[in-house]
């Protein structure tokens, strides 16, 4: 099992399991693409990605690297506007219910 746990990655129930799975899959693709590019081109200055602050240990599996990058804050999940508005609306109604009790 990969550490950190799903509870830690969900960051206070901000992200559900589906979002985390999608992040891991897309992040693993990013890691694999970067590894393949580096194998083909070495350390050429025309890197496809601006990755000055991101170091990847290519001895680990791509999914593990993606989860590590997300946990360290070097990779983010970008939510659509509708999802952000729905989450804010849900938080407001939950807060109003707690205050009225």
PDB file of N, CA and C in Angstrom:
ATOM      1  N   UNK A   1       0.842  -1.182   0.000  1.00  0.00           N
ATOM      2  CA  UNK A   1       0.000   0.000   0.000  1.00  0.00           C
ATOM      3  C   UNK A   1       0.889   1.247   0.000  1.00  0.00           C
ATOM      4  N   UNK A   2       0.484   2.233  -0.754  1.00  0.00           N
ATOM      5  CA  UNK A   2       1.253   3.455  -0.888  1.00  0.00           C
ATOM      6  C   UNK A   2       0.917   4.393   0.264  1.00  0.00           C
ATOM      7  N   UNK A   3       1.942   4.915   0.884  1.00  0.00           N
ATOM      8  CA  UNK A   3       1.757   5.942   1.909  1.00  0.00           C
ATOM      9  C   UNK A   3       1.935   7.267   1.213  1.00  0.00           C
ATOM     10  N   UNK A   4       1.249   8.271   1.504  1.00  0.00           N
ATOM     11  CA  UNK A   4       0.290   8.559   2.556  1.00  0.00           C
ATOM     12  C   UNK A   4      -1.078   7.924   2.282  1.00  0.00           C
ATOM     13  N   UNK A   5      -1.902   7.922   3.303  1.00  0.00           N
ATOM     14  CA  UNK A   5      -3.212   7.277   3.193  1.00  0.00           C
ATOM     15  C   UNK A   5      -4.169   8.130   2.367  1.00  0.00           C
ATOM     16  N   UNK A   6      -5.286   7.531   1.994  1.00  0.00           N
ATOM     17  CA  UNK A   6      -6.306   8.247   1.226  1.00  0.00           C
ATOM     18  C   UNK A   6      -6.884   9.382   2.055  1.00  0.00           C
ATOM     19  N   UNK A   7      -7.023   9.177   3.370  1.00  0.00           N
ATOM     20  CA  UNK A   7      -7.538  10.241   4.230  1.00  0.00           C
ATOM     21  C   UNK A   7      -6.613  11.462   4.204  1.00  0.00           C
ATOM     22  N   UNK A   8      -5.312  11.233   4.212  1.00  0.00           N
ATOM     23  CA  UNK A   8      -4.364  12.346   4.144  1.00  0.00           C
ATOM     24  C   UNK A   8      -4.437  13.041   2.785  1.00  0.00           C
ATOM     25  N   UNK A   9      -4.534  12.259   1.732  1.00  0.00           N
ATOM     26  CA  UNK A   9      -4.558  12.824   0.387  1.00  0.00           C
ATOM     27  C   UNK A   9      -5.846  13.589   0.091  1.00  0.00           C
ATOM     28  N   UNK A  10      -6.953  13.181   0.716  1.00  0.00           N
ATOM     29  CA  UNK A  10      -8.225  13.840   0.426  1.00  0.00           C
ATOM     30  C   UNK A  10      -8.290  15.246   1.005  1.00  0.00           C
ATOM     31  N   UNK A  11      -7.343  15.596   1.864  1.00  0.00           N
ATOM     32  CA  UNK A  11      -7.204  16.945   2.419  1.00  0.00           C
ATOM     33  C   UNK A  11      -8.518  17.466   2.968  1.00  0.00           C
ATOM     34  N   UNK A  12      -8.987  16.799   4.015  1.00  0.00           N
ATOM     35  CA  UNK A  12     -10.215  17.250   4.677  1.00  0.00           C
ATOM     36  C   UNK A  12     -11.455  17.056   3.836  1.00  0.00           C
ATOM     37  N   UNK A  13     -11.533  15.961   3.125  1.00  0.00           N
ATOM     38  CA  UNK A  13     -12.666  15.622   2.256  1.00  0.00           C
ATOM     39  C   UNK A  13     -12.857  16.601   1.104  1.00  0.00           C
ATOM     40  N   UNK A  14     -11.808  17.299   0.717  1.00  0.00           N
ATOM     41  CA  UNK A  14     -11.877  18.176  -0.450  1.00  0.00           C
ATOM     42  C   UNK A  14     -11.907  17.352  -1.723  1.00  0.00           C
ATOM     43  N   UNK A  15     -11.136  16.272  -1.748  1.00  0.00           N
ATOM     44  CA  UNK A  15     -11.057  15.408  -2.921  1.00  0.00           C
ATOM     45  C   UNK A  15     -11.619  14.040  -2.587  1.00  0.00           C
ATOM     46  N   UNK A  16     -12.451  13.516  -3.491  1.00  0.00           N
ATOM     47  CA  UNK A  16     -12.968  12.165  -3.282  1.00  0.00           C
ATOM     48  C   UNK A  16     -12.030  11.146  -3.929  1.00  0.00           C
ATOM     49  N   UNK A  17     -12.347   9.879  -3.770  1.00  0.00           N
ATOM     50  CA  UNK A  17     -11.469   8.820  -4.280  1.00  0.00           C
ATOM     51  C   UNK A  17     -11.328   8.869  -5.798  1.00  0.00           C
ATOM     52  N   UNK A  18     -12.406   9.206  -6.484  1.00  0.00           N
ATOM     53  CA  UNK A  18     -12.352   9.284  -7.941  1.00  0.00           C
ATOM     54  C   UNK A  18     -11.333  10.345  -8.374  1.00  0.00           C
ATOM     55  N   UNK A  19     -11.369  11.509  -7.732  1.00  0.00           N
ATOM     56  CA  UNK A  19     -10.421  12.573  -8.073  1.00  0.00           C
ATOM     57  C   UNK A  19      -8.989  12.127  -7.811  1.00  0.00           C
ATOM     58  N   UNK A  20      -8.779  11.406  -6.716  1.00  0.00           N
ATOM     59  CA  UNK A  20      -7.437  10.941  -6.382  1.00  0.00           C
ATOM     60  C   UNK A  20      -6.943   9.899  -7.383  1.00  0.00           C
ATOM     61  N   UNK A  21      -7.841   9.033  -7.841  1.00  0.00           N
ATOM     62  CA  UNK A  21      -7.466   8.030  -8.842  1.00  0.00           C
ATOM     63  C   UNK A  21      -7.094   8.719 -10.155  1.00  0.00           C
ATOM     64  N   UNK A  22      -7.884   9.720 -10.546  1.00  0.00           N
ATOM     65  CA  UNK A  22      -7.584  10.454 -11.775  1.00  0.00           C
ATOM     66  C   UNK A  22      -6.261  11.201 -11.649  1.00  0.00           C
ATOM     67  N   UNK A  23      -6.007  11.788 -10.475  1.00  0.00           N
ATOM     68  CA  UNK A  23      -4.739  12.485 -10.247  1.00  0.00           C
ATOM     69  C   UNK A  23      -3.574  11.514 -10.358  1.00  0.00           C
ATOM     70  N   UNK A  24      -3.720  10.333  -9.758  1.00  0.00           N
ATOM     71  CA  UNK A  24      -2.639   9.346  -9.802  1.00  0.00           C
ATOM     72  C   UNK A  24      -2.385   8.873 -11.233  1.00  0.00           C
ATOM     73  N   UNK A  25      -3.447   8.666 -11.995  1.00  0.00           N
ATOM     74  CA  UNK A  25      -3.295   8.199 -13.378  1.00  0.00           C
ATOM     75  C   UNK A  25      -2.643   9.265 -14.258  1.00  0.00           C
ATOM     76  N   UNK A  26      -3.136  10.491 -14.163  1.00  0.00           N
ATOM     77  CA  UNK A  26      -2.570  11.563 -14.982  1.00  0.00           C
ATOM     78  C   UNK A  26      -1.158  11.914 -14.529  1.00  0.00           C
ATOM     79  N   UNK A  27      -0.933  11.861 -13.217  1.00  0.00           N
ATOM     80  CA  UNK A  27       0.403  12.126 -12.699  1.00  0.00           C
ATOM     81  C   UNK A  27       1.389  11.059 -13.141  1.00  0.00           C
ATOM     82  N   UNK A  28       0.942   9.801 -13.152  1.00  0.00           N
ATOM     83  CA  UNK A  28       1.808   8.709 -13.602  1.00  0.00           C
ATOM     84  C   UNK A  28       2.150   8.875 -15.079  1.00  0.00           C
ATOM     85  N   UNK A  29       1.188   9.346 -15.868  1.00  0.00           N
ATOM     86  CA  UNK A  29       1.463   9.604 -17.286  1.00  0.00           C
ATOM     87  C   UNK A  29       2.499  10.720 -17.428  1.00  0.00           C
ATOM     88  N   UNK A  30       2.375  11.769 -16.620  1.00  0.00           N
ATOM     89  CA  UNK A  30       3.353  12.858 -16.636  1.00  0.00           C
ATOM     90  C   UNK A  30       4.741  12.331 -16.294  1.00  0.00           C
ATOM     91  N   UNK A  31       4.846  11.508 -15.250  1.00  0.00           N
ATOM     92  CA  UNK A  31       6.144  10.968 -14.831  1.00  0.00           C
ATOM     93  C   UNK A  31       6.735  10.089 -15.927  1.00  0.00           C
ATOM     94  N   UNK A  32       5.896   9.245 -16.531  1.00  0.00           N
ATOM     95  CA  UNK A  32       6.362   8.360 -17.599  1.00  0.00           C
ATOM     96  C   UNK A  32       6.823   9.164 -18.817  1.00  0.00           C
ATOM     97  N   UNK A  33       6.035  10.183 -19.196  1.00  0.00           N
ATOM     98  CA  UNK A  33       6.417  11.031 -20.332  1.00  0.00           C
ATOM     99  C   UNK A  33       7.743  11.732 -20.067  1.00  0.00           C
ATOM    100  N   UNK A  34       7.891  12.235 -18.863  1.00  0.00           N
ATOM    101  CA  UNK A  34       9.134  12.923 -18.525  1.00  0.00           C
ATOM    102  C   UNK A  34      10.326  11.971 -18.536  1.00  0.00           C
ATOM    103  N   UNK A  35      10.122  10.769 -18.022  1.00  0.00           N
ATOM    104  CA  UNK A  35      11.201   9.775 -18.025  1.00  0.00           C
ATOM    105  C   UNK A  35      11.597   9.402 -19.448  1.00  0.00           C
ATOM    106  N   UNK A  36      10.603   9.166 -20.303  1.00  0.00           N
ATOM    107  CA  UNK A  36      10.883   8.817 -21.699  1.00  0.00           C
ATOM    108  C   UNK A  36      11.595   9.957 -22.428  1.00  0.00           C
ATOM    109  N   UNK A  37      11.146  11.186 -22.191  1.00  0.00           N
ATOM    110  CA  UNK A  37      11.789  12.331 -22.819  1.00  0.00           C
ATOM    111  C   UNK A  37      13.231  12.451 -22.361  1.00  0.00           C
ATOM    112  N   UNK A  38      13.456  12.244 -21.072  1.00  0.00           N
ATOM    113  CA  UNK A  38      14.810  12.359 -20.538  1.00  0.00           C
ATOM    114  C   UNK A  38      15.711  11.259 -21.107  1.00  0.00           C
ATOM    115  N   UNK A  39      15.172  10.055 -21.310  1.00  0.00           N
ATOM    116  CA  UNK A  39      15.965   8.977 -21.900  1.00  0.00           C
ATOM    117  C   UNK A  39      16.348   9.309 -23.341  1.00  0.00           C
ATOM    118  N   UNK A  40      15.417   9.915 -24.080  1.00  0.00           N
ATOM    119  CA  UNK A  40      15.674  10.232 -25.479  1.00  0.00           C
ATOM    120  C   UNK A  40      16.610  11.421 -25.651  1.00  0.00           C
ATOM    121  N   UNK A  41      16.395  12.462 -24.845  1.00  0.00           N
ATOM    122  CA  UNK A  41      17.098  13.718 -25.068  1.00  0.00           C
ATOM    123  C   UNK A  41      18.127  14.063 -24.006  1.00  0.00           C
ATOM    124  N   UNK A  42      18.211  13.298 -22.963  1.00  0.00           N
ATOM    125  CA  UNK A  42      19.162  13.609 -21.896  1.00  0.00           C
ATOM    126  C   UNK A  42      18.792  14.888 -21.187  1.00  0.00           C
ATOM    127  N   UNK A  43      19.772  15.658 -20.811  1.00  0.00           N
ATOM    128  CA  UNK A  43      19.535  16.918 -20.106  1.00  0.00           C
ATOM    129  C   UNK A  43      19.600  18.097 -21.062  1.00  0.00           C
ATOM    130  N   UNK A  44      18.868  18.020 -22.156  1.00  0.00           N
ATOM    131  CA  UNK A  44      18.888  19.116 -23.128  1.00  0.00           C
ATOM    132  C   UNK A  44      18.131  20.315 -22.565  1.00  0.00           C
ATOM    133  N   UNK A  45      18.501  21.526 -22.962  1.00  0.00           N
ATOM    134  CA  UNK A  45      17.833  22.718 -22.433  1.00  0.00           C
ATOM    135  C   UNK A  45      16.408  22.907 -22.943  1.00  0.00           C
ATOM    136  N   UNK A  46      16.010  22.166 -23.956  1.00  0.00           N
ATOM    137  CA  UNK A  46      14.661  22.306 -24.515  1.00  0.00           C
ATOM    138  C   UNK A  46      13.695  21.311 -23.885  1.00  0.00           C
ATOM    139  N   UNK A  47      13.719  21.199 -22.563  1.00  0.00           N
ATOM    140  CA  UNK A  47      12.820  20.256 -21.883  1.00  0.00           C
ATOM    141  C   UNK A  47      11.362  20.613 -22.187  1.00  0.00           C
ATOM    142  N   UNK A  48      10.532  19.599 -22.329  1.00  0.00           N
ATOM    143  CA  UNK A  48       9.115  19.831 -22.580  1.00  0.00           C
ATOM    144  C   UNK A  48       8.435  20.482 -21.387  1.00  0.00           C
ATOM    145  N   UNK A  49       8.849  20.118 -20.182  1.00  0.00           N
ATOM    146  CA  UNK A  49       8.193  20.578 -18.973  1.00  0.00           C
ATOM    147  C   UNK A  49       9.117  21.513 -18.207  1.00  0.00           C
ATOM    148  N   UNK A  50       8.545  22.505 -17.575  1.00  0.00           N
ATOM    149  CA  UNK A  50       9.315  23.373 -16.695  1.00  0.00           C
ATOM    150  C   UNK A  50       9.367  22.686 -15.338  1.00  0.00           C
ATOM    151  N   UNK A  51      10.429  21.945 -15.103  1.00  0.00           N
ATOM    152  CA  UNK A  51      10.497  21.082 -13.925  1.00  0.00           C
ATOM    153  C   UNK A  51      11.718  21.378 -13.082  1.00  0.00           C
ATOM    154  N   UNK A  52      12.024  22.641 -12.915  1.00  0.00           N
ATOM    155  CA  UNK A  52      13.209  22.995 -12.155  1.00  0.00           C
ATOM    156  C   UNK A  52      13.129  22.537 -10.702  1.00  0.00           C
ATOM    157  N   UNK A  53      11.970  22.625 -10.085  1.00  0.00           N
ATOM    158  CA  UNK A  53      11.842  22.289  -8.675  1.00  0.00           C
ATOM    159  C   UNK A  53      11.322  20.873  -8.432  1.00  0.00           C
ATOM    160  N   UNK A  54      11.086  20.115  -9.475  1.00  0.00           N
ATOM    161  CA  UNK A  54      10.544  18.766  -9.319  1.00  0.00           C
ATOM    162  C   UNK A  54      11.627  17.740  -9.619  1.00  0.00           C
ATOM    163  N   UNK A  55      11.949  16.954  -8.609  1.00  0.00           N
ATOM    164  CA  UNK A  55      12.886  15.859  -8.792  1.00  0.00           C
ATOM    165  C   UNK A  55      12.128  14.550  -8.674  1.00  0.00           C
ATOM    166  N   UNK A  56      12.340  13.680  -9.629  1.00  0.00           N
ATOM    167  CA  UNK A  56      11.637  12.401  -9.663  1.00  0.00           C
ATOM    168  C   UNK A  56      12.653  11.286  -9.570  1.00  0.00           C
ATOM    169  N   UNK A  57      12.384  10.348  -8.675  1.00  0.00           N
ATOM    170  CA  UNK A  57      13.231   9.162  -8.544  1.00  0.00           C
ATOM    171  C   UNK A  57      12.680   8.115  -9.500  1.00  0.00           C
ATOM    172  N   UNK A  58      13.352   7.916 -10.635  1.00  0.00           N
ATOM    173  CA  UNK A  58      12.838   7.002 -11.647  1.00  0.00           C
ATOM    174  C   UNK A  58      12.992   5.539 -11.257  1.00  0.00           C
ATOM    175  N   UNK A  59      13.569   5.258 -10.087  1.00  0.00           N
ATOM    176  CA  UNK A  59      13.623   3.876  -9.593  1.00  0.00           C
ATOM    177  C   UNK A  59      12.285   3.458  -9.006  1.00  0.00           C
ATOM    178  N   UNK A  60      11.449   4.426  -8.625  1.00  0.00           N
ATOM    179  CA  UNK A  60      10.108   4.131  -8.112  1.00  0.00           C
ATOM    180  C   UNK A  60       9.131   4.000  -9.268  1.00  0.00           C
ATOM    181  N   UNK A  61       7.994   3.410  -8.980  1.00  0.00           N
ATOM    182  CA  UNK A  61       6.941   3.280  -9.991  1.00  0.00           C
ATOM    183  C   UNK A  61       6.302   4.651 -10.236  1.00  0.00           C
ATOM    184  N   UNK A  62       5.781   4.892 -11.444  1.00  0.00           N
ATOM    185  CA  UNK A  62       5.193   6.193 -11.775  1.00  0.00           C
ATOM    186  C   UNK A  62       4.040   6.610 -10.859  1.00  0.00           C
ATOM    187  N   UNK A  63       3.172   5.678 -10.463  1.00  0.00           N
ATOM    188  CA  UNK A  63       2.044   6.034  -9.596  1.00  0.00           C
ATOM    189  C   UNK A  63       2.556   6.491  -8.233  1.00  0.00           C
ATOM    190  N   UNK A  64       3.542   5.808  -7.708  1.00  0.00           N
ATOM    191  CA  UNK A  64       4.115   6.194  -6.417  1.00  0.00           C
ATOM    192  C   UNK A  64       4.741   7.586  -6.512  1.00  0.00           C
ATOM    193  N   UNK A  65       5.433   7.872  -7.600  1.00  0.00           N
ATOM    194  CA  UNK A  65       6.004   9.201  -7.811  1.00  0.00           C
ATOM    195  C   UNK A  65       4.911  10.263  -7.897  1.00  0.00           C
ATOM    196  N   UNK A  66       3.822   9.962  -8.597  1.00  0.00           N
ATOM    197  CA  UNK A  66       2.728  10.924  -8.747  1.00  0.00           C
ATOM    198  C   UNK A  66       2.090  11.231  -7.394  1.00  0.00           C
ATOM    199  N   UNK A  67       1.858  10.209  -6.595  1.00  0.00           N
ATOM    200  CA  UNK A  67       1.259  10.411  -5.275  1.00  0.00           C
ATOM    201  C   UNK A  67       2.199  11.226  -4.388  1.00  0.00           C
ATOM    202  N   UNK A  68       3.471  10.939  -4.469  1.00  0.00           N
ATOM    203  CA  UNK A  68       4.453  11.688  -3.677  1.00  0.00           C
ATOM    204  C   UNK A  68       4.466  13.161  -4.090  1.00  0.00           C
ATOM    205  N   UNK A  69       4.442  13.435  -5.392  1.00  0.00           N
ATOM    206  CA  UNK A  69       4.423  14.812  -5.875  1.00  0.00           C
ATOM    207  C   UNK A  69       3.169  15.545  -5.406  1.00  0.00           C
ATOM    208  N   UNK A  70       2.030  14.872  -5.434  1.00  0.00           N
ATOM    209  CA  UNK A  70       0.779  15.491  -4.986  1.00  0.00           C
ATOM    210  C   UNK A  70       0.835  15.776  -3.486  1.00  0.00           C
ATOM    211  N   UNK A  71       1.312  14.821  -2.718  1.00  0.00           N
ATOM    212  CA  UNK A  71       1.369  14.979  -1.268  1.00  0.00           C
ATOM    213  C   UNK A  71       2.321  16.111  -0.874  1.00  0.00           C
ATOM    214  N   UNK A  72       3.397  16.286  -1.625  1.00  0.00           N
ATOM    215  CA  UNK A  72       4.359  17.353  -1.343  1.00  0.00           C
ATOM    216  C   UNK A  72       3.895  18.713  -1.870  1.00  0.00           C
ATOM    217  N   UNK A  73       2.792  18.738  -2.600  1.00  0.00           N
ATOM    218  CA  UNK A  73       2.258  19.996  -3.115  1.00  0.00           C
ATOM    219  C   UNK A  73       2.874  20.437  -4.428  1.00  0.00           C
ATOM    220  N   UNK A  74       3.623  19.570  -5.075  1.00  0.00           N
ATOM    221  CA  UNK A  74       4.254  19.912  -6.345  1.00  0.00           C
ATOM    222  C   UNK A  74       3.339  19.619  -7.535  1.00  0.00           C
ATOM    223  N   UNK A  75       2.238  18.921  -7.263  1.00  0.00           N
ATOM    224  CA  UNK A  75       1.229  18.629  -8.273  1.00  0.00           C
ATOM    225  C   UNK A  75      -0.120  18.961  -7.646  1.00  0.00           C
ATOM    226  N   UNK A  76      -1.034  19.517  -8.419  1.00  0.00           N
ATOM    227  CA  UNK A  76      -2.327  19.928  -7.887  1.00  0.00           C
ATOM    228  C   UNK A  76      -3.453  19.352  -8.714  1.00  0.00           C
ATOM    229  N   UNK A  77      -4.621  19.293  -8.092  1.00  0.00           N
ATOM    230  CA  UNK A  77      -5.836  18.909  -8.800  1.00  0.00           C
ATOM    231  C   UNK A  77      -6.594  20.189  -9.099  1.00  0.00           C
ATOM    232  N   UNK A  78      -6.834  20.436 -10.370  1.00  0.00           N
ATOM    233  CA  UNK A  78      -7.575  21.625 -10.769  1.00  0.00           C
ATOM    234  C   UNK A  78      -9.032  21.227 -10.958  1.00  0.00           C
ATOM    235  N   UNK A  79      -9.891  21.814 -10.144  1.00  0.00           N
ATOM    236  CA  UNK A  79     -11.315  21.500 -10.197  1.00  0.00           C
ATOM    237  C   UNK A  79     -12.032  22.444 -11.153  1.00  0.00           C
ATOM    238  N   UNK A  80     -13.091  21.951 -11.831  1.00  0.00           N
ATOM    239  CA  UNK A  80     -13.888  22.831 -12.686  1.00  0.00           C
ATOM    240  C   UNK A  80     -14.649  23.857 -11.835  1.00  0.00           C
ATOM    241  N   UNK A  81     -15.009  24.975 -12.445  1.00  0.00           N
ATOM    242  CA  UNK A  81     -15.725  26.045 -11.746  1.00  0.00           C
ATOM    243  C   UNK A  81     -17.006  25.538 -11.086  1.00  0.00           C
ATOM    244  N   UNK A  82     -17.755  24.676 -11.773  1.00  0.00           N
ATOM    245  CA  UNK A  82     -19.024  24.182 -11.236  1.00  0.00           C
ATOM    246  C   UNK A  82     -18.797  23.404  -9.940  1.00  0.00           C
ATOM    247  N   UNK A  83     -17.728  22.614  -9.915  1.00  0.00           N
ATOM    248  CA  UNK A  83     -17.438  21.817  -8.720  1.00  0.00           C
ATOM    249  C   UNK A  83     -17.062  22.711  -7.551  1.00  0.00           C
ATOM    250  N   UNK A  84     -16.306  23.754  -7.809  1.00  0.00           N
ATOM    251  CA  UNK A  84     -15.907  24.684  -6.754  1.00  0.00           C
ATOM    252  C   UNK A  84     -17.132  25.401  -6.199  1.00  0.00           C
ATOM    253  N   UNK A  85     -18.022  25.868  -7.083  1.00  0.00           N
ATOM    254  CA  UNK A  85     -19.239  26.549  -6.633  1.00  0.00           C
ATOM    255  C   UNK A  85     -20.129  25.616  -5.835  1.00  0.00           C
ATOM    256  N   UNK A  86     -20.263  24.375  -6.282  1.00  0.00           N
ATOM    257  CA  UNK A  86     -21.095  23.410  -5.564  1.00  0.00           C
ATOM    258  C   UNK A  86     -20.529  23.122  -4.182  1.00  0.00           C
ATOM    259  N   UNK A  87     -19.208  23.003  -4.086  1.00  0.00           N
ATOM    260  CA  UNK A  87     -18.582  22.752  -2.788  1.00  0.00           C
ATOM    261  C   UNK A  87     -18.776  23.943  -1.855  1.00  0.00           C
ATOM    262  N   UNK A  88     -18.631  25.172  -2.374  1.00  0.00           N
ATOM    263  CA  UNK A  88     -18.835  26.367  -1.554  1.00  0.00           C
ATOM    264  C   UNK A  88     -20.273  26.463  -1.084  1.00  0.00           C
ATOM    265  N   UNK A  89     -21.221  26.166  -1.958  1.00  0.00           N
ATOM    266  CA  UNK A  89     -22.638  26.200  -1.597  1.00  0.00           C
ATOM    267  C   UNK A  89     -22.946  25.153  -0.529  1.00  0.00           C
ATOM    268  N   UNK A  90     -22.379  23.985  -0.673  1.00  0.00           N
ATOM    269  CA  UNK A  90     -22.570  22.922   0.319  1.00  0.00           C
ATOM    270  C   UNK A  90     -22.000  23.342   1.672  1.00  0.00           C
ATOM    271  N   UNK A  91     -20.835  23.974   1.653  1.00  0.00           N
ATOM    272  CA  UNK A  91     -20.220  24.435   2.906  1.00  0.00           C
ATOM    273  C   UNK A  91     -21.078  25.492   3.580  1.00  0.00           C
ATOM    274  N   UNK A  92     -21.675  26.394   2.793  1.00  0.00           N
ATOM    275  CA  UNK A  92     -22.522  27.439   3.365  1.00  0.00           C
ATOM    276  C   UNK A  92     -23.762  26.845   4.020  1.00  0.00           C
ATOM    277  N   UNK A  93     -24.409  25.895   3.348  1.00  0.00           N
ATOM    278  CA  UNK A  93     -25.626  25.301   3.909  1.00  0.00           C
ATOM    279  C   UNK A  93     -25.299  24.472   5.147  1.00  0.00           C
ATOM    280  N   UNK A  94     -24.180  23.787   5.135  1.00  0.00           N
ATOM    281  CA  UNK A  94     -23.763  23.011   6.307  1.00  0.00           C
ATOM    282  C   UNK A  94     -23.466  23.929   7.476  1.00  0.00           C
ATOM    283  N   UNK A  95     -22.801  25.042   7.213  1.00  0.00           N
ATOM    284  CA  UNK A  95     -22.481  26.001   8.264  1.00  0.00           C
ATOM    285  C   UNK A  95     -23.749  26.622   8.830  1.00  0.00           C
ATOM    286  N   UNK A  96     -24.713  26.967   7.957  1.00  0.00           N
ATOM    287  CA  UNK A  96     -25.981  27.545   8.416  1.00  0.00           C
ATOM    288  C   UNK A  96     -26.758  26.561   9.269  1.00  0.00           C
ATOM    289  N   UNK A  97     -26.742  25.283   8.925  1.00  0.00           N
ATOM    290  CA  UNK A  97     -27.441  24.269   9.719  1.00  0.00           C
ATOM    291  C   UNK A  97     -26.821  24.130  11.094  1.00  0.00           C
ATOM    292  N   UNK A  98     -25.498  24.186  11.175  1.00  0.00           N
ATOM    293  CA  UNK A  98     -24.812  24.052  12.449  1.00  0.00           C
ATOM    294  C   UNK A  98     -25.082  25.264  13.334  1.00  0.00           C
ATOM    295  N   UNK A  99     -25.144  26.451  12.765  1.00  0.00           N
ATOM    296  CA  UNK A  99     -25.370  27.670  13.525  1.00  0.00           C
ATOM    297  C   UNK A  99     -26.799  27.708  14.077  1.00  0.00           C
ATOM    298  N   UNK A 100     -27.760  27.256  13.276  1.00  0.00           N
ATOM    299  CA  UNK A 100     -29.167  27.301  13.707  1.00  0.00           C
ATOM    300  C   UNK A 100     -29.483  26.283  14.796  1.00  0.00           C
ATOM    301  N   UNK A 101     -28.685  25.282  14.955  1.00  0.00           N
ATOM    302  CA  UNK A 101     -28.965  24.249  15.978  1.00  0.00           C
ATOM    303  C   UNK A 101     -28.645  24.695  17.331  1.00  0.00           C
TER     304      UNK A 101
END
